[in-house]
Amino acid sequence: MTRQLQTGTVPLEKDGRKKYLWVAAGILFAVLWASASTATKIGLAVAQPLVIAVVRFGVAALCMLVLGHLVLRQRLPAGKEWKQLAIYGVLNVTIYLGCYVMAMQTVTAGIGALAVATNPLFISFMSVFFFKQKLSTLFAVAMCMCMAGVLCAAWPLFGEATVTATGLAILFVGMLAYSAAALYFSKQHWNGLHLLAINGWQTAIGGALLLPFAMVFYNENRNRFDATFWGSVLWLALPVSIVAVQLWLWLLRTSATRAGMWLFLCPPFGFAIARWLVHDRLSGYTAVGVLLVILGLAVAQRGD
């Protein structure tokens, strides 16, 4: 996993060790990424969404840039890499995560996690239409199984979830940006730039662009910088923005479409985490949905 990115995507080696590493990275990514919706909901109880976002990205970027450039002595971006980082940061942080944290004000943690599972479809369709990538029959079957599992797990929530049309629209825009960001990253030549540098600078740039909006809409009475705030922000900054995104970038090196399949695991994990921390209701639908998603991922692996 420490091997640096050279150009675009690289093929996943066929030996068993690499496949096990791929599976372990995918599962850990899904668990951490799924936790973001619940952590965000907890933070929103004491702070404005853009305040949470700006502090989160500032902490995460600072940690990654210090580790990458001062500790590991990795090189700085150069030339057109700055443009690539800016575009990726705008799509992946400013638009996607900015929209996500705003939407979570009027969308439940379960629905927020469910929305993440739409990204594999967007990624696949964008790959087909913009990059003429062909999808195998087994891969298409696997996607259908995963989507069925997600819908099954979410079915009980549709009747009781509190959402607004505006919240769902903002979520939709964010998911489109995330999918576009995944494809953009996988198609670029990064010339050996370390993943910590890529993640650190795209987070710093994307977060900095949110700062003016956070300042304009800041309301002192709506922000309480207590243990709840810092617990939420530090979880979002360290395990999510650093560990989960590092895993995501590594997964994208193989294939954006293939990596996107792991996003189908986010809703089941998200429901479980929401149940544990904010007492969202689970049912037999959740268990069946998780099983379908796991079977779909297994089919996807056989379809390579």
Protein backbone atom coordinates (compact mmCIF):
# COMPACT_ATOMS: atom_id res chain seq x y z
CA MET A 1 0.00 0.00 0.00
CA THR A 2 2.99 2.25 0.47
CA ARG A 3 4.04 2.00 -3.16
CA GLN A 4 3.71 5.40 -4.73
CA LEU A 5 1.31 6.25 -7.50
CA GLN A 6 3.08 6.62 -10.83
CA THR A 7 0.56 7.11 -13.62
CA GLY A 8 -3.21 6.85 -13.55
CA THR A 9 -4.41 3.40 -12.50
CA VAL A 10 -2.36 0.24 -12.14
CA PRO A 11 -3.53 -3.36 -12.46
CA LEU A 12 -4.24 -5.35 -9.31
CA GLU A 13 -1.83 -8.25 -9.05
CA LYS A 14 -3.49 -11.64 -9.25
CA ASP A 15 -1.68 -13.33 -6.34
CA GLY A 16 -3.69 -14.16 -3.23
CA ARG A 17 -1.83 -11.78 -0.92
CA LYS A 18 -2.72 -8.74 -3.02
CA LYS A 19 -6.35 -9.78 -3.27
CA TYR A 20 -6.59 -10.19 0.51
CA LEU A 21 -4.98 -6.77 0.93
CA TRP A 22 -7.50 -5.30 -1.52
CA VAL A 23 -10.43 -6.83 0.39
CA ALA A 24 -9.10 -5.71 3.80
CA ALA A 25 -8.53 -2.16 2.51
CA GLY A 26 -12.01 -2.06 0.96
CA ILE A 27 -13.78 -3.22 4.12
CA LEU A 28 -11.84 -0.85 6.39
CA PHE A 29 -12.53 2.04 3.99
CA ALA A 30 -16.26 1.24 3.96
CA VAL A 31 -16.48 1.10 7.77
CA LEU A 32 -14.66 4.40 8.27
CA TRP A 33 -16.42 6.20 5.41
CA ALA A 34 -19.81 4.97 6.66
CA SER A 35 -19.11 6.40 10.11
CA ALA A 36 -18.95 9.93 8.70
CA SER A 37 -22.73 10.40 8.52
CA THR A 38 -23.25 9.58 12.21
CA ALA A 39 -20.22 11.62 13.29
CA THR A 40 -21.55 14.56 11.28
CA LYS A 41 -25.02 14.30 12.85
CA ILE A 42 -23.44 14.29 16.31
CA GLY A 43 -21.40 17.38 15.47
CA LEU A 44 -24.39 19.22 14.01
CA ALA A 45 -26.05 19.14 17.42
CA VAL A 46 -23.53 21.70 18.65
CA ALA A 47 -22.15 23.52 15.59
CA GLN A 48 -22.93 24.87 12.13
CA PRO A 49 -22.14 22.55 9.22
CA LEU A 50 -19.51 24.73 7.52
CA VAL A 51 -17.75 25.33 10.83
CA ILE A 52 -17.45 21.56 11.28
CA ALA A 53 -16.22 21.18 7.71
CA VAL A 54 -13.57 23.91 7.82
CA VAL A 55 -12.11 22.79 11.15
CA ARG A 56 -12.16 19.16 10.01
CA PHE A 57 -10.32 19.85 6.77
CA GLY A 58 -7.86 22.20 8.44
CA VAL A 59 -6.85 19.61 11.04
CA ALA A 60 -6.65 16.80 8.48
CA ALA A 61 -4.64 18.80 5.94
CA LEU A 62 -2.18 20.05 8.57
CA CYS A 63 -1.53 16.52 9.86
CA MET A 64 -1.03 15.06 6.38
CA LEU A 65 1.21 17.85 5.08
CA VAL A 66 3.44 17.81 8.17
CA LEU A 67 3.73 14.02 8.02
CA GLY A 68 4.23 13.90 4.27
CA HIS A 69 6.67 16.76 3.75
CA LEU A 70 8.42 17.31 7.10
CA VAL A 71 8.55 13.77 8.49
CA LEU A 72 8.64 11.57 5.37
CA ARG A 73 10.44 14.23 3.30
CA GLN A 74 8.23 13.75 0.26
CA ARG A 75 8.49 16.28 -2.53
CA LEU A 76 6.09 19.17 -3.05
CA PRO A 77 3.70 19.19 -6.02
CA ALA A 78 5.09 20.82 -9.15
CA GLY A 79 3.83 22.29 -12.40
CA LYS A 80 0.47 21.03 -13.61
CA GLU A 81 0.09 18.91 -10.47
CA TRP A 82 -1.16 22.02 -8.66
CA LYS A 83 -3.95 22.39 -11.21
CA GLN A 84 -4.84 18.70 -10.85
CA LEU A 85 -4.90 19.03 -7.06
CA ALA A 86 -7.10 22.13 -7.26
CA ILE A 87 -9.64 20.44 -9.54
CA TYR A 88 -9.67 17.30 -7.42
CA GLY A 89 -9.98 19.32 -4.21
CA VAL A 90 -12.89 21.37 -5.54
CA LEU A 91 -14.79 18.25 -6.63
CA ASN A 92 -13.90 15.99 -3.71
CA VAL A 93 -13.91 18.45 -0.80
CA THR A 94 -15.44 21.84 -1.62
CA ILE A 95 -18.47 20.54 -3.53
CA TYR A 96 -18.93 16.95 -2.34
CA LEU A 97 -18.14 17.22 1.37
CA GLY A 98 -19.46 20.77 1.54
CA CYS A 99 -22.79 19.59 0.14
CA TYR A 100 -22.76 16.48 2.33
CA VAL A 101 -22.36 18.32 5.62
CA MET A 102 -25.01 20.87 4.59
CA ALA A 103 -27.49 18.17 3.57
CA MET A 104 -27.06 16.25 6.81
CA GLN A 105 -28.95 19.03 8.60
CA THR A 106 -32.19 17.73 7.07
CA VAL A 107 -31.33 14.11 6.23
CA THR A 108 -30.99 11.21 8.68
CA ALA A 109 -27.69 9.39 9.20
CA GLY A 110 -29.12 6.27 7.54
CA ILE A 111 -30.23 8.11 4.40
CA GLY A 112 -26.89 9.93 4.31
CA ALA A 113 -25.09 6.59 4.30
CA LEU A 114 -27.51 5.24 1.71
CA ALA A 115 -26.73 8.12 -0.64
CA VAL A 116 -23.08 7.06 -0.76
CA ALA A 117 -24.15 3.83 -2.48
CA THR A 118 -25.36 5.76 -5.53
CA ASN A 119 -21.76 6.62 -6.40
CA PRO A 120 -20.86 3.26 -8.01
CA LEU A 121 -23.69 3.78 -10.49
CA PHE A 122 -22.58 7.32 -11.30
CA ILE A 123 -18.95 6.18 -11.61
CA SER A 124 -19.90 3.29 -13.90
CA PHE A 125 -22.16 5.37 -16.13
CA MET A 126 -19.59 8.16 -16.38
CA SER A 127 -16.92 5.58 -17.28
CA VAL A 128 -19.09 4.17 -20.05
CA PHE A 129 -20.20 7.49 -21.54
CA PHE A 130 -17.04 9.57 -21.14
CA PHE A 131 -14.26 6.99 -21.27
CA LYS A 132 -15.89 4.22 -23.36
CA GLN A 133 -15.13 1.66 -20.66
CA LYS A 134 -16.93 -1.64 -21.08
CA LEU A 135 -18.65 -3.36 -18.16
CA SER A 136 -18.69 -7.16 -18.01
CA THR A 137 -21.93 -9.08 -17.56
CA LEU A 138 -20.82 -10.41 -14.17
CA PHE A 139 -19.95 -6.89 -13.03
CA ALA A 140 -23.39 -5.62 -14.09
CA VAL A 141 -25.02 -8.51 -12.19
CA ALA A 142 -22.90 -7.70 -9.15
CA MET A 143 -24.00 -4.06 -9.25
CA CYS A 144 -27.66 -5.10 -9.40
CA MET A 145 -27.19 -7.41 -6.42
CA CYS A 146 -25.49 -4.67 -4.41
CA MET A 147 -28.17 -2.12 -5.27
CA ALA A 148 -30.86 -4.62 -4.28
CA GLY A 149 -29.07 -5.14 -0.97
CA VAL A 150 -28.83 -1.42 -0.30
CA LEU A 151 -32.52 -0.87 -1.06
CA CYS A 152 -33.47 -3.85 1.11
CA ALA A 153 -31.45 -2.54 4.06
CA ALA A 154 -32.92 0.95 3.65
CA TRP A 155 -36.54 -0.06 3.03
CA PRO A 156 -37.79 0.34 6.63
CA LEU A 157 -36.23 3.82 6.80
CA PHE A 158 -38.15 5.30 3.89
CA GLY A 159 -41.40 5.39 5.81
CA GLU A 160 -39.98 7.08 8.88
CA ALA A 161 -36.94 9.06 7.79
CA THR A 162 -37.17 12.82 8.08
CA VAL A 163 -35.83 14.36 4.90
CA THR A 164 -36.48 17.44 2.80
CA ALA A 165 -36.46 17.86 -0.97
CA THR A 166 -33.72 20.48 -0.61
CA GLY A 167 -31.59 18.15 1.49
CA LEU A 168 -31.93 15.33 -1.03
CA ALA A 169 -31.11 17.69 -3.92
CA ILE A 170 -27.95 18.90 -2.16
CA LEU A 171 -26.97 15.27 -1.49
CA PHE A 172 -27.47 14.43 -5.18
CA VAL A 173 -25.18 17.26 -6.30
CA GLY A 174 -22.57 16.12 -3.81
CA MET A 175 -22.69 12.51 -4.99
CA LEU A 176 -22.23 13.59 -8.62
CA ALA A 177 -19.17 15.62 -7.61
CA TYR A 178 -17.71 12.69 -5.65
CA SER A 179 -18.12 10.32 -8.58
CA ALA A 180 -16.57 12.82 -10.98
CA ALA A 181 -13.69 13.32 -8.54
CA ALA A 182 -13.02 9.57 -8.36
CA LEU A 183 -12.84 9.29 -12.13
CA TYR A 184 -10.73 12.43 -12.45
CA PHE A 185 -8.19 11.16 -9.92
CA SER A 186 -7.91 7.74 -11.58
CA LYS A 187 -7.25 9.27 -15.02
CA GLN A 188 -4.49 11.69 -14.01
CA HIS A 189 -0.72 11.17 -14.13
CA TRP A 190 0.69 12.09 -10.72
CA ASN A 191 4.37 11.40 -11.51
CA GLY A 192 5.16 9.63 -8.25
CA LEU A 193 3.60 12.28 -6.00
CA HIS A 194 3.00 10.62 -2.62
CA LEU A 195 -0.59 9.83 -1.66
CA LEU A 196 -0.21 11.83 1.57
CA ALA A 197 0.80 14.89 -0.46
CA ILE A 198 -2.12 14.41 -2.87
CA ASN A 199 -4.64 13.95 -0.06
CA GLY A 200 -3.15 16.70 2.10
CA TRP A 201 -3.09 19.37 -0.59
CA GLN A 202 -6.48 18.53 -2.11
CA THR A 203 -7.97 18.70 1.41
CA ALA A 204 -6.22 21.99 2.14
CA ILE A 205 -7.32 23.58 -1.14
CA GLY A 206 -10.88 22.29 -0.96
CA GLY A 207 -11.26 23.31 2.68
CA ALA A 208 -9.78 26.77 2.11
CA LEU A 209 -12.41 27.45 -0.55
CA LEU A 210 -15.13 26.73 2.02
CA LEU A 211 -13.66 29.15 4.57
CA PRO A 212 -15.18 32.38 3.11
CA PHE A 213 -18.67 30.81 3.17
CA ALA A 214 -18.17 29.63 6.76
CA MET A 215 -17.16 33.15 7.78
CA VAL A 216 -20.11 34.82 6.06
CA PHE A 217 -22.69 32.52 7.64
CA TYR A 218 -20.99 32.15 11.04
CA ASN A 219 -23.32 32.56 14.02
CA GLU A 220 -21.62 32.55 17.41
CA ASN A 221 -24.78 31.42 19.19
CA ARG A 222 -25.02 28.23 17.09
CA ASN A 223 -21.54 26.94 17.85
CA ARG A 224 -20.37 25.31 21.05
CA PHE A 225 -16.74 24.14 20.97
CA ASP A 226 -17.10 21.44 23.60
CA ALA A 227 -16.15 17.76 23.83
CA THR A 228 -18.96 16.78 21.47
CA PHE A 229 -17.71 19.18 18.81
CA TRP A 230 -14.09 18.11 19.05
CA GLY A 231 -14.95 14.44 19.25
CA SER A 232 -16.97 14.74 16.05
CA VAL A 233 -14.41 16.89 14.22
CA LEU A 234 -11.38 14.83 15.20
CA TRP A 235 -13.07 11.60 14.14
CA LEU A 236 -14.00 13.15 10.79
CA ALA A 237 -10.50 14.59 10.37
CA LEU A 238 -8.31 11.64 11.39
CA PRO A 239 -9.96 8.24 10.72
CA VAL A 240 -12.21 9.57 7.91
CA SER A 241 -10.38 12.35 6.03
CA ILE A 242 -6.94 10.81 6.49
CA VAL A 243 -7.17 7.02 6.88
CA ALA A 244 -10.33 6.40 4.82
CA VAL A 245 -9.34 8.77 2.01
CA GLN A 246 -5.82 7.30 1.85
CA LEU A 247 -7.40 3.85 1.44
CA TRP A 248 -9.80 5.22 -1.18
CA LEU A 249 -6.98 6.73 -3.23
CA TRP A 250 -5.09 3.44 -3.08
CA LEU A 251 -8.19 1.54 -4.21
CA LEU A 252 -8.73 4.01 -7.07
CA ARG A 253 -5.26 3.24 -8.41
CA THR A 254 -6.57 -0.09 -9.69
CA SER A 255 -9.90 1.02 -11.17
CA ALA A 256 -12.40 3.73 -10.27
CA THR A 257 -15.31 1.48 -11.27
CA ARG A 258 -14.02 -1.50 -9.33
CA ALA A 259 -13.13 0.57 -6.26
CA GLY A 260 -16.60 2.09 -6.33
CA MET A 261 -18.12 -1.29 -5.52
CA TRP A 262 -16.91 -0.93 -1.93
CA LEU A 263 -19.22 2.06 -1.51
CA PHE A 264 -22.12 -0.41 -1.53
CA LEU A 265 -20.96 -1.60 1.90
CA CYS A 266 -21.26 1.90 3.38
CA PRO A 267 -25.05 1.86 3.97
CA PRO A 268 -25.12 -1.42 5.94
CA PHE A 269 -22.17 -0.30 8.04
CA GLY A 270 -23.70 3.16 8.32
CA PHE A 271 -26.99 1.73 9.62
CA ALA A 272 -25.13 -0.36 12.20
CA ILE A 273 -23.06 2.58 13.42
CA ALA A 274 -26.13 4.83 13.57
CA ARG A 275 -27.94 2.16 15.57
CA TRP A 276 -25.05 1.87 18.00
CA LEU A 277 -24.44 5.59 18.54
CA VAL A 278 -27.74 7.37 17.83
CA HIS A 279 -30.11 4.41 18.27
CA ASP A 280 -31.49 4.18 14.74
CA ARG A 281 -33.74 1.15 14.27
CA LEU A 282 -32.47 -2.01 12.53
CA SER A 283 -34.50 -4.95 11.22
CA GLY A 284 -34.29 -8.22 9.35
CA TYR A 285 -34.17 -6.16 6.16
CA THR A 286 -30.75 -4.90 7.23
CA ALA A 287 -29.34 -8.42 7.62
CA VAL A 288 -30.69 -9.53 4.22
CA GLY A 289 -29.36 -6.35 2.62
CA VAL A 290 -25.87 -6.87 4.04
CA LEU A 291 -25.87 -10.47 2.75
CA LEU A 292 -26.85 -9.34 -0.76
CA VAL A 293 -24.14 -6.69 -0.79
CA ILE A 294 -21.48 -9.19 0.30
CA LEU A 295 -22.61 -11.68 -2.38
CA GLY A 296 -22.55 -8.92 -4.97
CA LEU A 297 -19.01 -7.96 -4.03
CA ALA A 298 -17.97 -11.61 -4.30
CA VAL A 299 -19.46 -11.80 -7.80
CA ALA A 300 -17.64 -8.60 -8.75
CA GLN A 301 -14.33 -10.13 -7.69
CA ARG A 302 -14.96 -13.19 -9.91
CA GLY A 303 -15.82 -10.91 -12.81
CA ASP A 304 -12.31 -9.38 -13.01
